[in-house]
């Protein structure tokens, strides 16, 4: 399905529930079981129950919502969205676990890969909650900073602030690693006592 543009609904969740539910007598019924809107309704995830009324077969699949807000649109179409099936290989992988838990088994390789990516993200965030001040994380591949230097190991200061660690073990520059909690390409690699925090350098 391509992009659909309309005026912004007063209740975005209700808008999607109404549009995504339908009943075709003697054919197929679609019912929204759960819907989650993230980041001020710029991204959404929906668990949809599909019932074949001829066979009684019921399955639950996921639909990902890509949403754009266009407040100053000259034509009044201030709200646009696109519905993407989980079997279409969507890039968004922040589906809440409560929705993932409601989905039926699938034989779609793309859907299985998407579900696995969502689960990996949740696992990474759970692991990140156990990382505290001075704990070291090591990435599978080095991360390049704005000055061109590359580091694979970092010691946590707070939130997304880290000290990079030189290959020799010496504490390097202080950097910000955005969204590190959502990445699954790192593991805990020890602990170190940290010095006073220097000026931050943002990664490229």
C-alpha atoms as a PDB file:
ATOM      1  CA  UNK A   1       0.000   0.000   0.000  1.00  0.00           C
ATOM      2  CA  UNK A   2       1.240   3.475  -0.878  1.00  0.00           C
ATOM      3  CA  UNK A   3       0.996   6.660   1.126  1.00  0.00           C
ATOM      4  CA  UNK A   4      -2.459   7.956   2.096  1.00  0.00           C
ATOM      5  CA  UNK A   5      -2.878  11.662   2.898  1.00  0.00           C
ATOM      6  CA  UNK A   6      -5.745  13.255   4.805  1.00  0.00           C
ATOM      7  CA  UNK A   7      -6.411  15.892   7.431  1.00  0.00           C
ATOM      8  CA  UNK A   8      -5.004  15.033  10.843  1.00  0.00           C
ATOM      9  CA  UNK A   9      -7.571  13.079  12.855  1.00  0.00           C
ATOM     10  CA  UNK A  10      -8.431  14.234  16.356  1.00  0.00           C
ATOM     11  CA  UNK A  11      -7.858  10.724  17.723  1.00  0.00           C
ATOM     12  CA  UNK A  12      -5.114   9.025  15.706  1.00  0.00           C
ATOM     13  CA  UNK A  13      -5.454   5.622  17.370  1.00  0.00           C
ATOM     14  CA  UNK A  14      -9.216   5.573  16.837  1.00  0.00           C
ATOM     15  CA  UNK A  15      -8.689   6.612  13.211  1.00  0.00           C
ATOM     16  CA  UNK A  16      -6.487   3.616  12.497  1.00  0.00           C
ATOM     17  CA  UNK A  17      -8.695   1.177  14.375  1.00  0.00           C
ATOM     18  CA  UNK A  18     -11.710   2.262  12.366  1.00  0.00           C
ATOM     19  CA  UNK A  19      -9.926   2.114   9.010  1.00  0.00           C
ATOM     20  CA  UNK A  20      -8.154  -1.192   9.607  1.00  0.00           C
ATOM     21  CA  UNK A  21     -11.181  -3.153  10.794  1.00  0.00           C
ATOM     22  CA  UNK A  22     -13.613  -4.591   8.284  1.00  0.00           C
ATOM     23  CA  UNK A  23     -16.066  -7.427   7.860  1.00  0.00           C
ATOM     24  CA  UNK A  24     -16.962  -9.042   4.560  1.00  0.00           C
ATOM     25  CA  UNK A  25     -19.950 -11.358   5.094  1.00  0.00           C
ATOM     26  CA  UNK A  26     -19.028 -14.909   4.210  1.00  0.00           C
ATOM     27  CA  UNK A  27     -15.428 -13.969   3.458  1.00  0.00           C
ATOM     28  CA  UNK A  28     -12.790 -12.393   5.720  1.00  0.00           C
ATOM     29  CA  UNK A  29     -13.056 -10.300   8.884  1.00  0.00           C
ATOM     30  CA  UNK A  30     -10.248  -8.044  10.126  1.00  0.00           C
ATOM     31  CA  UNK A  31     -10.135  -6.921  13.762  1.00  0.00           C
ATOM     32  CA  UNK A  32      -7.551  -4.733  15.513  1.00  0.00           C
ATOM     33  CA  UNK A  33      -6.435  -6.517  18.688  1.00  0.00           C
ATOM     34  CA  UNK A  34      -3.815  -4.005  19.796  1.00  0.00           C
ATOM     35  CA  UNK A  35      -2.233  -0.818  18.503  1.00  0.00           C
ATOM     36  CA  UNK A  36       0.800   1.127  19.713  1.00  0.00           C
ATOM     37  CA  UNK A  37       1.828   4.608  18.556  1.00  0.00           C
ATOM     38  CA  UNK A  38       5.396   5.725  19.289  1.00  0.00           C
ATOM     39  CA  UNK A  39       7.331   9.005  19.196  1.00  0.00           C
ATOM     40  CA  UNK A  40       4.367  11.371  19.115  1.00  0.00           C
ATOM     41  CA  UNK A  41       2.513   9.135  16.635  1.00  0.00           C
ATOM     42  CA  UNK A  42       5.228   9.069  13.979  1.00  0.00           C
ATOM     43  CA  UNK A  43       5.474   5.285  14.052  1.00  0.00           C
ATOM     44  CA  UNK A  44       2.921   2.606  14.874  1.00  0.00           C
ATOM     45  CA  UNK A  45       2.476  -1.136  15.286  1.00  0.00           C
ATOM     46  CA  UNK A  46      -0.788  -3.059  14.986  1.00  0.00           C
ATOM     47  CA  UNK A  47      -1.789  -6.640  15.761  1.00  0.00           C
ATOM     48  CA  UNK A  48      -4.605  -7.583  13.369  1.00  0.00           C
ATOM     49  CA  UNK A  49      -6.735 -10.681  13.647  1.00  0.00           C
ATOM     50  CA  UNK A  50      -7.819 -12.115  10.301  1.00  0.00           C
ATOM     51  CA  UNK A  51     -10.708 -14.606  10.342  1.00  0.00           C
ATOM     52  CA  UNK A  52     -11.729 -16.588   7.274  1.00  0.00           C
ATOM     53  CA  UNK A  53     -15.460 -16.999   7.791  1.00  0.00           C
ATOM     54  CA  UNK A  54     -15.641 -19.856   5.273  1.00  0.00           C
ATOM     55  CA  UNK A  55     -13.094 -22.064   7.052  1.00  0.00           C
ATOM     56  CA  UNK A  56     -13.028 -20.574  10.530  1.00  0.00           C
ATOM     57  CA  UNK A  57      -9.240 -20.176  10.279  1.00  0.00           C
ATOM     58  CA  UNK A  58      -7.887 -17.375  12.469  1.00  0.00           C
ATOM     59  CA  UNK A  59      -4.433 -15.824  12.302  1.00  0.00           C
ATOM     60  CA  UNK A  60      -2.893 -12.701  13.816  1.00  0.00           C
ATOM     61  CA  UNK A  61      -0.353 -10.681  11.869  1.00  0.00           C
ATOM     62  CA  UNK A  62       1.419  -7.365  12.330  1.00  0.00           C
ATOM     63  CA  UNK A  63       1.150  -4.164  10.349  1.00  0.00           C
ATOM     64  CA  UNK A  64       3.677  -1.370  10.721  1.00  0.00           C
ATOM     65  CA  UNK A  65       2.519   2.248  10.350  1.00  0.00           C
ATOM     66  CA  UNK A  66       4.831   4.855   8.877  1.00  0.00           C
ATOM     67  CA  UNK A  67       3.386   8.276   9.739  1.00  0.00           C
ATOM     68  CA  UNK A  68       4.159  11.815   8.632  1.00  0.00           C
ATOM     69  CA  UNK A  69       2.785  15.006  10.171  1.00  0.00           C
ATOM     70  CA  UNK A  70       2.626  17.958   7.741  1.00  0.00           C
ATOM     71  CA  UNK A  71       1.165  20.826   9.795  1.00  0.00           C
ATOM     72  CA  UNK A  72       1.603  23.546   7.154  1.00  0.00           C
ATOM     73  CA  UNK A  73       0.363  21.613   4.125  1.00  0.00           C
ATOM     74  CA  UNK A  74      -1.217  24.086   1.693  1.00  0.00           C
ATOM     75  CA  UNK A  75      -3.785  21.539   0.541  1.00  0.00           C
ATOM     76  CA  UNK A  76      -4.921  20.747   4.074  1.00  0.00           C
ATOM     77  CA  UNK A  77      -3.604  17.185   3.919  1.00  0.00           C
ATOM     78  CA  UNK A  78      -1.718  17.458   7.176  1.00  0.00           C
ATOM     79  CA  UNK A  79      -1.488  13.754   7.974  1.00  0.00           C
ATOM     80  CA  UNK A  80      -0.014  10.991   5.824  1.00  0.00           C
ATOM     81  CA  UNK A  81       0.618   7.333   6.528  1.00  0.00           C
ATOM     82  CA  UNK A  82       1.636   4.081   4.936  1.00  0.00           C
ATOM     83  CA  UNK A  83       0.717   0.588   6.090  1.00  0.00           C
ATOM     84  CA  UNK A  84       3.466  -2.035   5.725  1.00  0.00           C
ATOM     85  CA  UNK A  85       2.896  -5.735   6.371  1.00  0.00           C
ATOM     86  CA  UNK A  86       5.447  -7.540   8.528  1.00  0.00           C
ATOM     87  CA  UNK A  87       6.028  -9.867   5.564  1.00  0.00           C
ATOM     88  CA  UNK A  88       7.230  -6.922   3.448  1.00  0.00           C
ATOM     89  CA  UNK A  89      10.477  -6.583   5.403  1.00  0.00           C
ATOM     90  CA  UNK A  90       9.855  -3.275   7.240  1.00  0.00           C
ATOM     91  CA  UNK A  91      12.828  -1.373   8.652  1.00  0.00           C
ATOM     92  CA  UNK A  92      11.082  -0.259  11.845  1.00  0.00           C
ATOM     93  CA  UNK A  93      11.783  -2.789  14.605  1.00  0.00           C
ATOM     94  CA  UNK A  94      10.451  -1.132  17.763  1.00  0.00           C
ATOM     95  CA  UNK A  95       7.281  -3.199  18.012  1.00  0.00           C
ATOM     96  CA  UNK A  96       6.250  -3.624  21.677  1.00  0.00           C
ATOM     97  CA  UNK A  97       6.600  -7.131  23.069  1.00  0.00           C
ATOM     98  CA  UNK A  98       2.930  -7.256  24.002  1.00  0.00           C
ATOM     99  CA  UNK A  99       2.057  -7.053  20.286  1.00  0.00           C
ATOM    100  CA  UNK A 100       4.743  -9.542  19.241  1.00  0.00           C
ATOM    101  CA  UNK A 101       3.350 -11.987  21.800  1.00  0.00           C
ATOM    102  CA  UNK A 102      -0.067 -11.930  20.097  1.00  0.00           C
ATOM    103  CA  UNK A 103       1.150 -12.841  16.622  1.00  0.00           C
ATOM    104  CA  UNK A 104       0.440 -16.229  15.079  1.00  0.00           C
ATOM    105  CA  UNK A 105       3.245 -18.485  13.788  1.00  0.00           C
ATOM    106  CA  UNK A 106       4.229 -17.625  10.229  1.00  0.00           C
ATOM    107  CA  UNK A 107       6.112 -19.262   7.372  1.00  0.00           C
ATOM    108  CA  UNK A 108       7.123 -15.903   5.865  1.00  0.00           C
ATOM    109  CA  UNK A 109      10.910 -15.582   6.022  1.00  0.00           C
ATOM    110  CA  UNK A 110      10.681 -11.781   5.980  1.00  0.00           C
ATOM    111  CA  UNK A 111       8.120 -11.717   8.795  1.00  0.00           C
ATOM    112  CA  UNK A 112      10.208 -14.105  10.896  1.00  0.00           C
ATOM    113  CA  UNK A 113      13.308 -11.955  10.330  1.00  0.00           C
ATOM    114  CA  UNK A 114      11.390  -8.818  11.321  1.00  0.00           C
ATOM    115  CA  UNK A 115      10.059 -10.429  14.489  1.00  0.00           C
ATOM    116  CA  UNK A 116      13.548 -11.660  15.385  1.00  0.00           C
ATOM    117  CA  UNK A 117      14.963  -8.151  14.878  1.00  0.00           C
ATOM    118  CA  UNK A 118      12.307  -6.713  17.201  1.00  0.00           C
ATOM    119  CA  UNK A 119      13.101  -9.351  19.831  1.00  0.00           C
ATOM    120  CA  UNK A 120      16.830  -8.661  19.520  1.00  0.00           C
ATOM    121  CA  UNK A 121      16.208  -4.974  20.102  1.00  0.00           C
ATOM    122  CA  UNK A 122      14.240  -5.715  23.262  1.00  0.00           C
ATOM    123  CA  UNK A 123      16.984  -8.082  24.440  1.00  0.00           C
ATOM    124  CA  UNK A 124      19.600  -5.386  23.820  1.00  0.00           C
ATOM    125  CA  UNK A 125      17.631  -2.844  25.844  1.00  0.00           C
ATOM    126  CA  UNK A 126      17.237  -5.355  28.689  1.00  0.00           C
ATOM    127  CA  UNK A 127      20.988  -5.984  28.668  1.00  0.00           C
ATOM    128  CA  UNK A 128      21.668  -2.236  28.598  1.00  0.00           C
ATOM    129  CA  UNK A 129      19.677  -1.748  31.804  1.00  0.00           C
ATOM    130  CA  UNK A 130      22.301  -3.873  33.579  1.00  0.00           C
ATOM    131  CA  UNK A 131      25.182  -1.651  32.423  1.00  0.00           C
ATOM    132  CA  UNK A 132      26.258   0.916  35.021  1.00  0.00           C
ATOM    133  CA  UNK A 133      28.919   3.567  35.660  1.00  0.00           C
ATOM    134  CA  UNK A 134      32.367   2.305  34.690  1.00  0.00           C
ATOM    135  CA  UNK A 135      31.103  -0.843  32.955  1.00  0.00           C
ATOM    136  CA  UNK A 136      32.785  -1.481  29.608  1.00  0.00           C
ATOM    137  CA  UNK A 137      30.950  -2.523  26.460  1.00  0.00           C
ATOM    138  CA  UNK A 138      32.681  -3.868  23.357  1.00  0.00           C
ATOM    139  CA  UNK A 139      31.145  -3.525  19.896  1.00  0.00           C
ATOM    140  CA  UNK A 140      31.523  -6.180  17.212  1.00  0.00           C
ATOM    141  CA  UNK A 141      33.031  -3.569  14.876  1.00  0.00           C
ATOM    142  CA  UNK A 142      34.869  -0.328  15.763  1.00  0.00           C
ATOM    143  CA  UNK A 143      32.898   2.933  15.780  1.00  0.00           C
ATOM    144  CA  UNK A 144      34.414   5.902  13.971  1.00  0.00           C
ATOM    145  CA  UNK A 145      34.373   9.263  15.763  1.00  0.00           C
ATOM    146  CA  UNK A 146      34.164  12.661  14.109  1.00  0.00           C
ATOM    147  CA  UNK A 147      37.958  13.041  14.189  1.00  0.00           C
ATOM    148  CA  UNK A 148      38.416   9.778  12.291  1.00  0.00           C
ATOM    149  CA  UNK A 149      39.635   7.708  15.219  1.00  0.00           C
ATOM    150  CA  UNK A 150      37.988   4.317  15.717  1.00  0.00           C
ATOM    151  CA  UNK A 151      37.177   2.549  18.963  1.00  0.00           C
ATOM    152  CA  UNK A 152      35.483  -0.737  19.772  1.00  0.00           C
ATOM    153  CA  UNK A 153      35.407  -0.487  23.593  1.00  0.00           C
ATOM    154  CA  UNK A 154      33.696   2.167  25.711  1.00  0.00           C
ATOM    155  CA  UNK A 155      33.182   2.706  29.455  1.00  0.00           C
ATOM    156  CA  UNK A 156      29.825   4.117  30.535  1.00  0.00           C
ATOM    157  CA  UNK A 157      29.593   7.445  32.341  1.00  0.00           C
ATOM    158  CA  UNK A 158      25.829   8.010  32.290  1.00  0.00           C
ATOM    159  CA  UNK A 159      22.951   7.592  29.837  1.00  0.00           C
ATOM    160  CA  UNK A 160      24.626   7.783  26.404  1.00  0.00           C
ATOM    161  CA  UNK A 161      27.971   9.236  27.546  1.00  0.00           C
ATOM    162  CA  UNK A 162      31.043   7.032  27.410  1.00  0.00           C
ATOM    163  CA  UNK A 163      34.798   7.148  27.600  1.00  0.00           C
ATOM    164  CA  UNK A 164      36.359   5.536  24.555  1.00  0.00           C
ATOM    165  CA  UNK A 165      39.102   3.079  25.490  1.00  0.00           C
ATOM    166  CA  UNK A 166      42.338   2.885  23.538  1.00  0.00           C
ATOM    167  CA  UNK A 167      43.614  -0.566  22.410  1.00  0.00           C
ATOM    168  CA  UNK A 168      46.277  -0.209  25.119  1.00  0.00           C
ATOM    169  CA  UNK A 169      43.563   0.127  27.766  1.00  0.00           C
ATOM    170  CA  UNK A 170      44.182   3.838  28.324  1.00  0.00           C
ATOM    171  CA  UNK A 171      41.062   5.971  28.749  1.00  0.00           C
ATOM    172  CA  UNK A 172      40.429   8.046  25.617  1.00  0.00           C
ATOM    173  CA  UNK A 173      38.007  10.853  24.694  1.00  0.00           C
ATOM    174  CA  UNK A 174      34.518  11.228  26.078  1.00  0.00           C
ATOM    175  CA  UNK A 175      31.807  10.644  23.483  1.00  0.00           C
ATOM    176  CA  UNK A 176      28.052  10.308  23.043  1.00  0.00           C
ATOM    177  CA  UNK A 177      26.774   7.051  21.550  1.00  0.00           C
ATOM    178  CA  UNK A 178      23.159   7.656  20.627  1.00  0.00           C
ATOM    179  CA  UNK A 179      20.669   4.744  20.690  1.00  0.00           C
ATOM    180  CA  UNK A 180      23.308   2.307  21.922  1.00  0.00           C
ATOM    181  CA  UNK A 181      20.699   0.571  24.056  1.00  0.00           C
ATOM    182  CA  UNK A 182      18.827  -0.501  20.935  1.00  0.00           C
ATOM    183  CA  UNK A 183      21.832  -2.071  19.261  1.00  0.00           C
ATOM    184  CA  UNK A 184      22.493  -5.772  19.517  1.00  0.00           C
ATOM    185  CA  UNK A 185      26.114  -5.666  18.341  1.00  0.00           C
ATOM    186  CA  UNK A 186      27.837  -5.206  21.712  1.00  0.00           C
ATOM    187  CA  UNK A 187      28.525  -7.148  24.892  1.00  0.00           C
ATOM    188  CA  UNK A 188      29.733  -6.332  28.390  1.00  0.00           C
ATOM    189  CA  UNK A 189      33.524  -6.496  28.597  1.00  0.00           C
ATOM    190  CA  UNK A 190      34.586  -5.728  32.141  1.00  0.00           C
ATOM    191  CA  UNK A 191      34.693  -2.683  34.390  1.00  0.00           C
ATOM    192  CA  UNK A 192      37.086   0.189  35.043  1.00  0.00           C
ATOM    193  CA  UNK A 193      37.431   3.090  37.471  1.00  0.00           C
ATOM    194  CA  UNK A 194      36.848   6.313  35.570  1.00  0.00           C
ATOM    195  CA  UNK A 195      38.632   9.688  35.879  1.00  0.00           C
ATOM    196  CA  UNK A 196      36.952  13.067  35.947  1.00  0.00           C
ATOM    197  CA  UNK A 197      34.794  13.615  32.881  1.00  0.00           C
ATOM    198  CA  UNK A 198      36.431  15.740  30.113  1.00  0.00           C
ATOM    199  CA  UNK A 199      34.754  17.698  27.344  1.00  0.00           C
ATOM    200  CA  UNK A 200      32.490  15.578  25.168  1.00  0.00           C
ATOM    201  CA  UNK A 201      33.147  14.743  21.539  1.00  0.00           C
ATOM    202  CA  UNK A 202      30.155  13.629  19.516  1.00  0.00           C
ATOM    203  CA  UNK A 203      30.470  10.710  17.140  1.00  0.00           C
ATOM    204  CA  UNK A 204      30.003  11.353  13.440  1.00  0.00           C
END
